[in-house]
Structure formats: C-alpha cells, structure tokens
C-alpha cells in the first residue's frame, strides 16, 4: 500500500492551533495566541506521555493499522477518529478508529475503543 503524502508538521499543526483557539478573537499571528497554543500543546503532551492507558491505546491502534495495511485484501485504510466531528442526534455516538475498504469494495468501520470519549 502507498501512503498519501501530506505535510502534518504544517497542516495538522495549523488545524490543531485552530482547534485550541476556538471563539477567541485575534489574529493567527498574535503572539499571545501562539504562546497560549504552545502552552496547551506542552500540557497535553505531558498528560498523554504520563498516561499508560493512552500510550497503550496508541500502540495498539498503530499495530492494528500496520497489520491491516499489510493485508493483501485491503485497498484503503483511513483514520476516522481524528479531526472534528459534527452530528445531529440526541444519542451519544462513538467514532470508529478506522474506515477500511476491502479489495471487493466492501467498507467497514473498526470498532471504537470502549474507553473512547462519548460525544
């Protein structure tokens, strides 16, 4: 399988910056917004790295993705539980980890972790 080329250090960083600054007035180039963003990233990274369950979950998800990408019967795997999600329902939902499409064109969504935050 080939990986779609992206620039995560550029695009994902800008997306994260936008997500962590919701509703705040000011420019993207405002030094105070940048400092706030860097502090939030540092805090989030510190919390994530100190959580064994989070690190274990990331390892398991990475191993699952690696396993699926090496199956001959899969034509596409796409991470689904990243980015923002909007829905119209009174029910809580769980976002699947991955969308997988087989060589026959059959799509399915991997079951979300039971510890995933409900929306």
Protein backbone atom coordinates (compact mmCIF):
# COMPACT_ATOMS: atom_id res chain seq x y z
CA UNK A 1 0.00 0.00 0.00
CA UNK A 2 1.08 3.57 -0.64
CA UNK A 3 0.66 6.32 1.91
CA UNK A 4 -0.97 9.56 0.76
CA UNK A 5 1.57 12.37 1.03
CA UNK A 6 0.70 15.11 3.49
CA UNK A 7 2.51 17.79 5.42
CA UNK A 8 1.45 17.08 9.02
CA UNK A 9 4.04 19.42 10.52
CA UNK A 10 2.37 22.22 8.57
CA UNK A 11 -1.28 21.32 8.07
CA UNK A 12 -2.01 19.36 11.24
CA UNK A 13 -0.22 21.95 13.35
CA UNK A 14 -2.37 24.71 11.87
CA UNK A 15 -5.51 22.60 12.36
CA UNK A 16 -4.58 21.95 15.99
CA UNK A 17 -3.84 25.64 16.52
CA UNK A 18 -7.31 26.50 15.17
CA UNK A 19 -9.00 23.82 17.32
CA UNK A 20 -7.30 25.03 20.51
CA UNK A 21 -8.22 28.67 19.89
CA UNK A 22 -11.99 28.39 19.30
CA UNK A 23 -14.02 31.54 19.63
CA UNK A 24 -11.03 33.65 20.55
CA UNK A 25 -10.74 36.95 18.81
CA UNK A 26 -7.42 37.88 17.36
CA UNK A 27 -5.10 37.11 14.55
CA UNK A 28 -3.42 33.82 13.79
CA UNK A 29 -0.20 35.80 14.04
CA UNK A 30 -0.97 37.18 17.51
CA UNK A 31 1.98 36.31 19.81
CA UNK A 32 -0.35 35.77 22.79
CA UNK A 33 -2.39 33.20 20.82
CA UNK A 34 0.80 31.44 19.81
CA UNK A 35 2.08 31.32 23.41
CA UNK A 36 -1.30 30.01 24.60
CA UNK A 37 -1.23 27.32 21.90
CA UNK A 38 2.32 26.22 22.79
CA UNK A 39 1.39 26.01 26.49
CA UNK A 40 -1.69 23.91 25.66
CA UNK A 41 0.36 21.57 23.45
CA UNK A 42 3.01 21.18 26.15
CA UNK A 43 0.37 20.42 28.78
CA UNK A 44 -1.46 17.96 26.53
CA UNK A 45 1.73 16.16 25.55
CA UNK A 46 2.84 15.94 29.18
CA UNK A 47 -0.54 14.46 30.17
CA UNK A 48 -0.54 12.00 27.27
CA UNK A 49 3.02 10.81 27.94
CA UNK A 50 2.25 10.25 31.61
CA UNK A 51 -0.85 8.12 30.86
CA UNK A 52 -0.01 4.45 30.43
CA UNK A 53 -3.51 3.71 29.13
CA UNK A 54 -3.23 6.41 26.45
CA UNK A 55 0.21 5.19 25.36
CA UNK A 56 -1.01 1.59 25.28
CA UNK A 57 -4.04 2.59 23.21
CA UNK A 58 -1.85 4.43 20.69
CA UNK A 59 0.49 1.42 20.42
CA UNK A 60 -2.43 -0.95 19.84
CA UNK A 61 -4.00 1.35 17.24
CA UNK A 62 -0.65 1.70 15.45
CA UNK A 63 -0.15 -2.09 15.41
CA UNK A 64 -3.68 -2.60 14.08
CA UNK A 65 -3.09 -0.07 11.28
CA UNK A 66 0.22 -1.77 10.41
CA UNK A 67 -1.42 -5.19 10.32
CA UNK A 68 -4.29 -4.02 8.10
CA UNK A 69 -2.00 -2.16 5.67
CA UNK A 70 -0.13 -5.41 5.10
CA UNK A 71 -3.20 -7.47 4.24
CA UNK A 72 -3.46 -8.22 0.53
CA UNK A 73 -7.26 -7.95 0.59
CA UNK A 74 -7.40 -4.31 1.74
CA UNK A 75 -7.35 -1.42 -0.72
CA UNK A 76 -7.81 1.50 1.71
CA UNK A 77 -7.48 2.29 5.39
CA UNK A 78 -8.33 5.77 6.69
CA UNK A 79 -8.14 7.06 10.25
CA UNK A 80 -11.60 8.22 11.28
CA UNK A 81 -11.15 9.35 14.87
CA UNK A 82 -9.09 12.44 14.07
CA UNK A 83 -10.36 15.92 13.41
CA UNK A 84 -13.65 17.46 14.31
CA UNK A 85 -16.98 15.68 14.00
CA UNK A 86 -20.46 17.19 13.83
CA UNK A 87 -23.66 15.20 14.15
CA UNK A 88 -27.37 15.76 14.56
CA UNK A 89 -28.78 13.35 17.09
CA UNK A 90 -29.78 13.26 20.72
CA UNK A 91 -27.92 9.96 21.10
CA UNK A 92 -24.28 9.81 22.12
CA UNK A 93 -22.02 8.35 19.43
CA UNK A 94 -18.63 6.65 19.35
CA UNK A 95 -16.29 7.49 16.49
CA UNK A 96 -14.67 4.43 14.86
CA UNK A 97 -10.88 4.28 14.77
CA UNK A 98 -10.57 3.39 11.08
CA UNK A 99 -12.53 3.06 7.84
CA UNK A 100 -11.34 0.03 5.88
CA UNK A 101 -12.26 -0.87 2.31
CA UNK A 102 -11.54 -4.37 1.03
CA UNK A 103 -10.43 -5.24 -2.49
CA UNK A 104 -14.03 -6.25 -3.18
CA UNK A 105 -15.11 -2.70 -2.32
CA UNK A 106 -16.75 -3.68 0.96
CA UNK A 107 -16.37 -0.88 3.52
CA UNK A 108 -16.38 -1.34 7.25
CA UNK A 109 -15.51 0.71 10.29
CA UNK A 110 -13.28 -0.63 13.02
CA UNK A 111 -14.94 -0.84 16.38
CA UNK A 112 -14.07 2.14 18.58
CA UNK A 113 -12.31 1.58 21.85
CA UNK A 114 -14.72 1.21 24.73
CA UNK A 115 -12.73 3.88 26.56
CA UNK A 116 -13.29 6.42 23.78
CA UNK A 117 -14.97 9.57 24.94
CA UNK A 118 -18.62 9.61 24.00
CA UNK A 119 -19.81 12.60 22.06
